[in-house]
Amino acid sequence: MKKGALLESLETVLVVTVITALIWLYAEGETILTENREITIEFVTPTPGLAITLPEGTPGNSTTSVTATLQASSGDWARISNWARSQVVEVEVQAPPTDRYENEQTINLLDALNNSHLADVRAFVKEVTPSTKTVRVQKLEYVEMGLRVEPGELELSSVPSEEPTFSPDKVRVQLPSVDAALVRSQNLKLTAHLDRLDPDSLVEDTQKTASVGLSLPPELQNKPHIILDQDRVDVTFILDKLTREITLNRVQVKLNISDDLTRYSIQIEDTERFIPAVTLKGPEEIINRIEQQMSEEIPGGRDMVRAQITIKHSDLLEPEPYFAVLHIDVPEGVTIIAPLPNQTFITYKVTDPSEQN
C-alpha cells in the first residue's frame, strides 16, 4: 500500500473514532434520570401589605418542604443537585378580594414547581408529595395603640394629677386587618411593664422616668404578623409612699372636762380605761415612728396617738348612764382602721361631792 493511502486510512479511522466518542458522550448526557429530592418552598405575596400563614404550621410560617420526583438528563444532575441544596423555590399567591380581610387558597404544587426556577436548571417535576397546599393570605394595616401600665407590686400614686404618662403616648403597630378591627372595637392597649423594674432603684414620692418594655394585650398574644414600630417607651410615674399597718395594744383613754365641771368627780369605767387594740395604717415612715415612740422607753412618745373623751356640763343634763364619744387623734396621713372613729362610746360615772355631805 502506498504511503499516502495509509495516511488517508488512518485519518479516516481517527475521524470515525472521534465522531463515535462524541456521539457516545452526547448520548450519555441525554440519558434521562429520575430521582426524588426534598424541595423547600416559600410562598410569597404579589404586593406589599399582605401576609401568608400555613394553617397547619407554626403561626406566621410561610415555608414548607415537599418531596418532588424530578426528571433530568444525567448531564444536568450535578447542577440541579447543587441548586436544590442551596435554593428555596418561591411560589406566588393571590391577593384576597378587595372586600375581604383574608382568604384561603389551595395551591397546585406540581404546576407551581414546573413554572418556577427549577425549569431554568432543566429539571422537570413529574410528581409532588403532597400535591397541594392550603395557605391563608391576610391583608395588613397599621393602627396606633394606646398604653396602660402593669405596676406589679409597685404602689403608684393615687393622685389624679400624678397618673403615669407615656412618651410617646401611642405606638404604631402593623397587624392583620381582622386583628386591627378587634383593636379598634375593644380599644385594646399595649402594656408598659413597670413590674420589670428593680424596686430597690426607686424612691417613693419622687417622680421617675424609666424606659420599659411593651407587650401585646392577651387578645393578640401568639398571633402572627404583628410588628411594633418600637418595643419600649418612656414612662413617667410617682410611687406612693409605702404604707404599713400596725396594731397598738392597750391605748389609754384620757378624760377632758370643761372648767365648770371641776367640782365633780368623773370616772371612766374600769373596763374602758384602755382600748384593747387600735389598728392604724399610713406611710411606712410615720408608722415606724409611732411604733418607736409608743414604746414605754421613750418619754412622751404616746402623744403621737391619743384616745380621749371630752365631757361638758351640758352632757350631764342627759339621763344616766352617761356615754361619751371616743376620739382618737393620729398624725396626718394615718388612717384609723379599728375601732371606727367617732363610733365608739365610753361609759363614765359622775359624782357630786357636795351632795355627799
Protein backbone atom coordinates (compact mmCIF):
# COMPACT_ATOMS: atom_id res chain seq x y z
CA MET A 1 0.00 0.00 0.00
CA LYS A 2 1.25 3.37 -0.83
CA LYS A 3 2.24 5.69 1.97
CA GLY A 4 -0.43 8.31 1.02
CA ALA A 5 -3.21 5.77 1.07
CA LEU A 6 -2.11 4.51 4.51
CA LEU A 7 -2.20 8.00 5.99
CA GLU A 8 -5.60 8.58 4.46
CA SER A 9 -6.92 5.36 6.04
CA LEU A 10 -5.50 6.29 9.44
CA GLU A 11 -7.10 9.73 9.25
CA THR A 12 -10.45 8.15 8.40
CA VAL A 13 -10.23 5.79 11.38
CA LEU A 14 -9.35 8.68 13.68
CA VAL A 15 -12.27 10.80 12.48
CA VAL A 16 -14.68 7.90 12.88
CA THR A 17 -13.36 7.23 16.38
CA VAL A 18 -13.75 10.89 17.40
CA ILE A 19 -17.29 11.03 15.99
CA THR A 20 -18.19 7.81 17.80
CA ALA A 21 -16.82 9.18 21.07
CA LEU A 22 -18.77 12.42 20.66
CA ILE A 23 -21.96 10.51 19.89
CA TRP A 24 -21.41 8.33 22.99
CA LEU A 25 -20.74 11.37 25.18
CA TYR A 26 -23.83 13.14 23.84
CA ALA A 27 -25.95 10.05 24.44
CA GLU A 28 -24.61 9.80 27.98
CA GLY A 29 -25.50 13.45 28.58
CA GLU A 30 -29.02 12.98 27.26
CA THR A 31 -29.81 9.91 29.35
CA ILE A 32 -32.92 10.78 31.38
CA LEU A 33 -32.67 10.01 35.08
CA THR A 34 -35.46 10.17 37.68
CA GLU A 35 -34.76 10.96 41.34
CA ASN A 36 -36.69 12.10 44.45
CA ARG A 37 -35.49 15.31 46.06
CA GLU A 38 -36.70 17.36 49.03
CA ILE A 39 -37.58 20.86 47.86
CA THR A 40 -38.14 23.86 50.15
CA ILE A 41 -41.00 26.11 49.05
CA GLU A 42 -41.64 29.63 50.28
CA PHE A 43 -44.99 31.20 49.49
CA VAL A 44 -44.65 34.90 48.65
CA THR A 45 -47.14 37.72 48.14
CA PRO A 46 -47.54 39.61 44.86
CA THR A 47 -47.56 43.02 46.61
CA PRO A 48 -46.57 44.51 50.00
CA GLY A 49 -49.21 44.75 52.71
CA LEU A 50 -50.08 41.05 52.67
CA ALA A 51 -49.11 38.18 54.95
CA ILE A 52 -49.16 34.42 54.48
CA THR A 53 -49.73 31.67 57.03
CA LEU A 54 -49.85 27.92 56.58
CA PRO A 55 -52.89 26.96 58.72
CA GLU A 56 -51.43 23.65 59.85
CA GLY A 57 -47.96 25.01 60.60
CA THR A 58 -46.32 27.37 63.04
CA PRO A 59 -48.21 30.71 63.23
CA GLY A 60 -46.74 33.13 60.73
CA ASN A 61 -44.71 30.48 58.89
CA SER A 62 -44.87 30.62 55.07
CA THR A 63 -42.28 27.95 54.27
CA THR A 64 -42.81 24.23 53.76
CA SER A 65 -40.92 21.20 52.42
CA VAL A 66 -42.21 18.75 49.80
CA THR A 67 -40.86 15.63 48.14
CA ALA A 68 -40.58 16.11 44.36
CA THR A 69 -39.90 13.46 41.72
CA LEU A 70 -37.53 15.17 39.28
CA GLN A 71 -36.53 14.10 35.77
CA ALA A 72 -33.45 15.47 34.04
CA SER A 73 -30.62 14.42 31.80
CA SER A 74 -27.70 12.85 33.56
CA GLY A 75 -25.50 15.73 32.50
CA ASP A 76 -27.70 18.25 34.35
CA TRP A 77 -27.98 16.43 37.64
CA ALA A 78 -24.88 17.89 39.28
CA ARG A 79 -26.15 21.43 38.66
CA ILE A 80 -29.67 20.51 39.78
CA SER A 81 -28.41 18.90 43.00
CA ASN A 82 -26.33 21.95 43.91
CA TRP A 83 -29.23 24.26 43.17
CA ALA A 84 -31.73 22.24 45.18
CA ARG A 85 -29.47 22.20 48.25
CA SER A 86 -28.99 25.95 48.40
CA GLN A 87 -32.13 27.46 46.91
CA VAL A 88 -35.72 27.97 48.02
CA VAL A 89 -38.44 27.81 45.40
CA GLU A 90 -40.69 30.87 45.61
CA VAL A 91 -44.37 30.34 44.81
CA GLU A 92 -46.54 33.43 44.44
CA VAL A 93 -50.06 33.53 45.90
CA GLN A 94 -53.01 35.78 45.01
CA ALA A 95 -54.22 38.79 46.99
CA PRO A 96 -57.57 38.47 48.81
CA PRO A 97 -60.59 40.07 47.14
CA THR A 98 -60.91 43.79 47.81
CA ASP A 99 -63.96 43.30 50.04
CA ARG A 100 -62.33 40.72 52.33
CA TYR A 101 -59.64 40.84 55.03
CA GLU A 102 -58.36 37.35 54.25
CA ASN A 103 -58.96 34.15 52.28
CA GLU A 104 -57.62 30.64 51.92
CA GLN A 105 -56.09 29.37 48.68
CA THR A 106 -55.23 25.85 47.57
CA ILE A 107 -52.02 25.82 45.53
CA ASN A 108 -51.33 23.12 42.90
CA LEU A 109 -47.71 22.36 43.73
CA LEU A 110 -46.95 20.39 40.56
CA ASP A 111 -47.88 23.33 38.34
CA ALA A 112 -46.20 25.80 40.68
CA LEU A 113 -42.86 23.93 40.69
CA ASN A 114 -42.81 23.39 36.92
CA ASN A 115 -43.32 27.14 36.47
CA SER A 116 -40.60 28.01 38.97
CA HIS A 117 -36.83 28.43 38.67
CA LEU A 118 -36.49 24.65 38.53
CA ALA A 119 -37.17 25.00 34.81
CA ASP A 120 -34.09 27.22 34.49
CA VAL A 121 -31.86 24.33 35.61
CA ARG A 122 -33.65 21.99 33.16
CA ALA A 123 -35.47 19.93 35.81
CA PHE A 124 -38.95 18.60 35.10
CA VAL A 125 -41.21 17.85 38.07
CA LYS A 126 -43.11 14.64 37.46
CA GLU A 127 -44.80 14.31 40.86
CA VAL A 128 -45.05 16.16 44.19
CA THR A 129 -45.98 14.92 47.64
CA PRO A 130 -48.18 16.48 48.89
CA SER A 131 -49.76 17.54 45.62
CA THR A 132 -51.45 20.67 47.02
CA LYS A 133 -51.01 23.08 49.91
CA THR A 134 -53.60 25.36 51.51
CA VAL A 135 -52.40 28.83 52.54
CA ARG A 136 -54.12 31.72 54.31
CA VAL A 137 -53.50 35.18 52.86
CA GLN A 138 -54.25 38.19 55.07
CA LYS A 139 -54.26 41.92 54.48
CA LEU A 140 -52.08 44.01 56.82
CA GLU A 141 -52.62 47.53 58.11
CA TYR A 142 -51.27 49.93 60.71
CA VAL A 143 -53.05 51.09 63.86
CA GLU A 144 -51.93 53.33 66.70
CA MET A 145 -52.41 51.61 70.04
CA GLY A 146 -52.69 53.36 73.39
CA LEU A 147 -50.78 52.29 76.51
CA ARG A 148 -51.50 51.05 80.02
CA VAL A 149 -49.13 50.26 82.88
CA GLU A 150 -48.58 47.00 84.71
CA PRO A 151 -47.20 48.10 88.11
CA GLY A 152 -46.87 44.64 89.63
CA GLU A 153 -46.14 45.11 93.34
CA LEU A 154 -45.31 48.81 92.93
CA GLU A 155 -47.84 51.16 94.53
CA LEU A 156 -48.35 54.13 92.20
CA SER A 157 -49.61 57.48 93.41
CA SER A 158 -53.41 57.65 93.54
CA VAL A 159 -53.45 61.41 92.97
CA PRO A 160 -55.18 62.03 89.59
CA SER A 161 -52.62 64.64 88.53
CA GLU A 162 -49.81 62.14 89.19
CA GLU A 163 -51.04 59.32 86.97
CA PRO A 164 -48.34 57.74 84.74
CA THR A 165 -47.64 59.41 81.39
CA PHE A 166 -46.01 57.90 78.30
CA SER A 167 -43.60 59.13 75.66
CA PRO A 168 -44.80 58.52 73.03
CA ASP A 169 -48.38 58.13 74.23
CA LYS A 170 -49.22 55.77 71.34
CA VAL A 171 -47.26 53.16 69.38
CA ARG A 172 -47.86 52.25 65.75
CA VAL A 173 -48.44 48.54 65.18
CA GLN A 174 -48.67 46.56 61.93
CA LEU A 175 -51.08 43.65 62.10
CA PRO A 176 -53.66 41.72 60.05
CA SER A 177 -56.79 43.74 59.28
CA VAL A 178 -59.05 41.38 61.22
CA ASP A 179 -56.92 41.99 64.34
CA ALA A 180 -56.84 45.73 63.66
CA ALA A 181 -60.65 45.72 63.70
CA LEU A 182 -60.54 43.97 67.10
CA VAL A 183 -58.14 46.61 68.47
CA ARG A 184 -60.48 49.41 67.41
CA SER A 185 -63.71 47.77 68.61
CA GLN A 186 -62.35 46.86 72.06
CA ASN A 187 -59.88 49.74 72.44
CA LEU A 188 -57.09 47.28 73.18
CA LYS A 189 -53.89 48.75 74.63
CA LEU A 190 -50.25 47.76 74.83
CA THR A 191 -48.87 47.07 78.30
CA ALA A 192 -45.89 49.02 79.64
CA HIS A 193 -44.14 46.85 82.22
CA LEU A 194 -43.19 48.83 85.32
CA ASP A 195 -43.24 45.46 87.09
CA ARG A 196 -39.92 44.62 85.41
CA LEU A 197 -38.09 47.49 87.13
CA ASP A 198 -35.85 46.92 90.14
CA PRO A 199 -37.86 48.20 93.15
CA ASP A 200 -34.65 48.92 95.05
CA SER A 201 -33.72 51.54 92.46
CA LEU A 202 -36.92 53.56 93.02
CA VAL A 203 -37.69 56.25 95.59
CA GLU A 204 -41.20 56.79 96.93
CA ASP A 205 -42.99 60.10 96.39
CA THR A 206 -40.44 61.12 93.75
CA GLN A 207 -41.09 61.49 90.03
CA LYS A 208 -39.23 58.93 87.94
CA THR A 209 -38.92 58.35 84.18
CA ALA A 210 -37.92 54.87 83.03
CA SER A 211 -37.68 53.07 79.70
CA VAL A 212 -39.73 49.88 79.92
CA GLY A 213 -40.65 47.03 77.60
CA LEU A 214 -44.03 46.59 75.92
CA SER A 215 -46.23 43.55 75.44
CA LEU A 216 -49.39 42.83 73.48
CA PRO A 217 -52.78 42.52 75.18
CA PRO A 218 -53.93 38.91 75.82
CA GLU A 219 -56.32 39.07 72.86
CA LEU A 220 -53.38 39.46 70.44
CA GLN A 221 -50.72 37.30 72.03
CA ASN A 222 -49.42 34.35 69.98
CA LYS A 223 -51.00 35.78 66.84
CA PRO A 224 -48.75 36.04 63.75
CA HIS A 225 -47.71 39.02 61.62
CA ILE A 226 -47.84 41.62 64.42
CA ILE A 227 -44.93 44.07 64.41
CA LEU A 228 -44.48 47.03 66.77
CA ASP A 229 -42.68 50.12 65.50
CA GLN A 230 -40.90 50.16 68.87
CA ASP A 231 -40.83 47.72 71.76
CA ARG A 232 -40.06 50.21 74.55
CA VAL A 233 -41.49 53.53 75.79
CA ASP A 234 -40.57 56.06 78.47
CA VAL A 235 -42.96 56.08 81.42
CA THR A 236 -43.04 58.94 83.93
CA PHE A 237 -44.60 57.97 87.26
CA ILE A 238 -44.59 58.59 91.00
CA LEU A 239 -44.56 55.85 93.61
CA ASP A 240 -46.92 56.28 96.51
CA LYS A 241 -45.34 56.37 99.91
CA LEU A 242 -45.08 52.83 101.19
CA THR A 243 -47.83 52.04 103.65
CA ARG A 244 -47.93 49.76 106.64
CA GLU A 245 -50.45 48.64 109.24
CA ILE A 246 -49.80 48.44 112.97
CA THR A 247 -51.93 47.39 115.94
CA LEU A 248 -51.32 49.18 119.25
CA ASN A 249 -52.39 47.29 122.37
CA ARG A 250 -53.97 48.94 125.43
CA VAL A 251 -54.14 52.58 124.40
CA GLN A 252 -55.14 54.62 127.49
CA VAL A 253 -58.26 56.76 127.24
CA LYS A 254 -57.76 60.25 128.63
CA LEU A 255 -60.53 62.37 130.11
CA ASN A 256 -61.01 66.04 129.21
CA ILE A 257 -63.55 68.07 131.20
CA SER A 258 -64.71 71.65 130.90
CA ASP A 259 -63.86 74.17 133.63
CA ASP A 260 -67.40 74.25 135.03
CA LEU A 261 -67.18 70.54 135.90
CA THR A 262 -64.16 70.77 138.17
CA ARG A 263 -66.26 70.28 141.29
CA TYR A 264 -67.49 66.91 140.00
CA SER A 265 -65.75 63.58 140.33
CA ILE A 266 -65.85 61.90 136.93
CA GLN A 267 -64.54 58.41 136.45
CA ILE A 268 -64.27 56.18 133.42
CA GLU A 269 -65.48 52.62 133.91
CA ASP A 270 -62.54 50.42 134.81
CA THR A 271 -63.16 48.14 131.81
CA GLU A 272 -62.94 51.10 129.42
CA ARG A 273 -59.84 52.85 130.73
CA PHE A 274 -57.86 51.24 127.93
CA ILE A 275 -58.82 50.42 124.35
CA PRO A 276 -57.83 46.78 123.79
CA ALA A 277 -56.41 47.49 120.33
CA VAL A 278 -56.08 50.36 117.87
CA THR A 279 -55.16 49.45 114.29
CA LEU A 280 -53.60 52.16 112.13
CA LYS A 281 -52.50 52.37 108.53
CA GLY A 282 -50.32 55.00 106.94
CA PRO A 283 -46.98 55.89 105.37
CA GLU A 284 -44.32 53.44 106.46
CA GLU A 285 -42.06 56.18 107.81
CA ILE A 286 -44.73 57.57 110.13
CA ILE A 287 -45.95 54.16 111.27
CA ASN A 288 -42.38 53.18 112.15
CA ARG A 289 -42.01 56.35 114.20
CA ILE A 290 -45.30 55.68 116.03
CA GLU A 291 -44.14 52.16 116.79
CA GLN A 292 -40.94 53.52 118.28
CA GLN A 293 -42.45 56.39 120.20
CA MET A 294 -45.32 54.36 121.62
CA SER A 295 -42.83 52.22 123.46
CA GLU A 296 -42.51 52.93 127.17
CA GLU A 297 -38.81 53.65 126.80
CA ILE A 298 -39.47 56.94 125.04
CA PRO A 299 -41.00 59.58 127.34
CA GLY A 300 -43.88 61.47 125.76
CA GLY A 301 -43.99 59.14 122.83
CA ARG A 302 -47.56 58.17 123.48
CA ASP A 303 -48.71 61.65 122.45
CA MET A 304 -48.49 60.65 118.78
CA VAL A 305 -51.68 58.60 119.19
CA ARG A 306 -54.18 59.89 121.73
CA ALA A 307 -57.51 58.36 122.74
CA GLN A 308 -59.74 60.73 124.66
CA ILE A 309 -63.26 61.70 125.57
CA THR A 310 -64.45 65.23 126.29
CA ILE A 311 -67.27 65.96 128.75
CA LYS A 312 -69.16 69.26 129.02
CA HIS A 313 -71.68 70.38 131.60
CA SER A 314 -74.50 70.01 129.11
CA ASP A 315 -73.72 66.29 128.85
CA LEU A 316 -74.81 65.85 132.46
CA LEU A 317 -78.31 67.01 131.62
CA GLU A 318 -78.90 63.70 129.89
CA PRO A 319 -80.22 60.82 131.97
CA GLU A 320 -77.84 58.18 133.24
CA PRO A 321 -75.96 56.11 132.24
CA TYR A 322 -73.55 58.60 130.75
CA PHE A 323 -71.78 57.95 127.43
CA ALA A 324 -69.11 59.95 125.62
CA VAL A 325 -67.86 59.59 122.06
CA LEU A 326 -64.30 58.29 121.84
CA HIS A 327 -61.93 60.41 119.76
CA ILE A 328 -58.59 59.03 118.53
CA ASP A 329 -56.07 61.56 117.32
CA VAL A 330 -53.36 60.33 114.92
CA PRO A 331 -50.69 62.07 112.80
CA GLU A 332 -51.67 63.48 109.42
CA GLY A 333 -51.74 60.83 106.69
CA VAL A 334 -52.54 58.00 109.11
CA THR A 335 -55.91 56.23 108.94
CA ILE A 336 -57.68 54.52 111.82
CA ILE A 337 -58.77 51.04 110.73
CA ALA A 338 -60.27 49.98 114.08
CA PRO A 339 -62.06 50.88 116.21
CA LEU A 340 -64.10 53.06 113.88
CA PRO A 341 -63.55 56.71 114.89
CA ASN A 342 -66.46 58.59 116.46
CA GLN A 343 -68.49 55.38 116.61
CA THR A 344 -67.10 54.04 119.89
CA PHE A 345 -68.67 55.18 123.17
CA ILE A 346 -67.09 55.21 126.62
CA THR A 347 -69.17 54.87 129.80
CA TYR A 348 -68.39 57.15 132.75
CA LYS A 349 -69.80 57.98 136.19
CA VAL A 350 -70.31 61.41 137.72
CA THR A 351 -70.36 62.15 141.46
CA ASP A 352 -71.08 65.50 143.05
CA PRO A 353 -69.04 65.61 146.33
CA SER A 354 -71.19 68.43 147.72
CA GLU A 355 -74.21 66.15 147.68
CA GLN A 356 -72.43 63.55 149.77
CA ASN A 357 -72.09 65.86 152.78
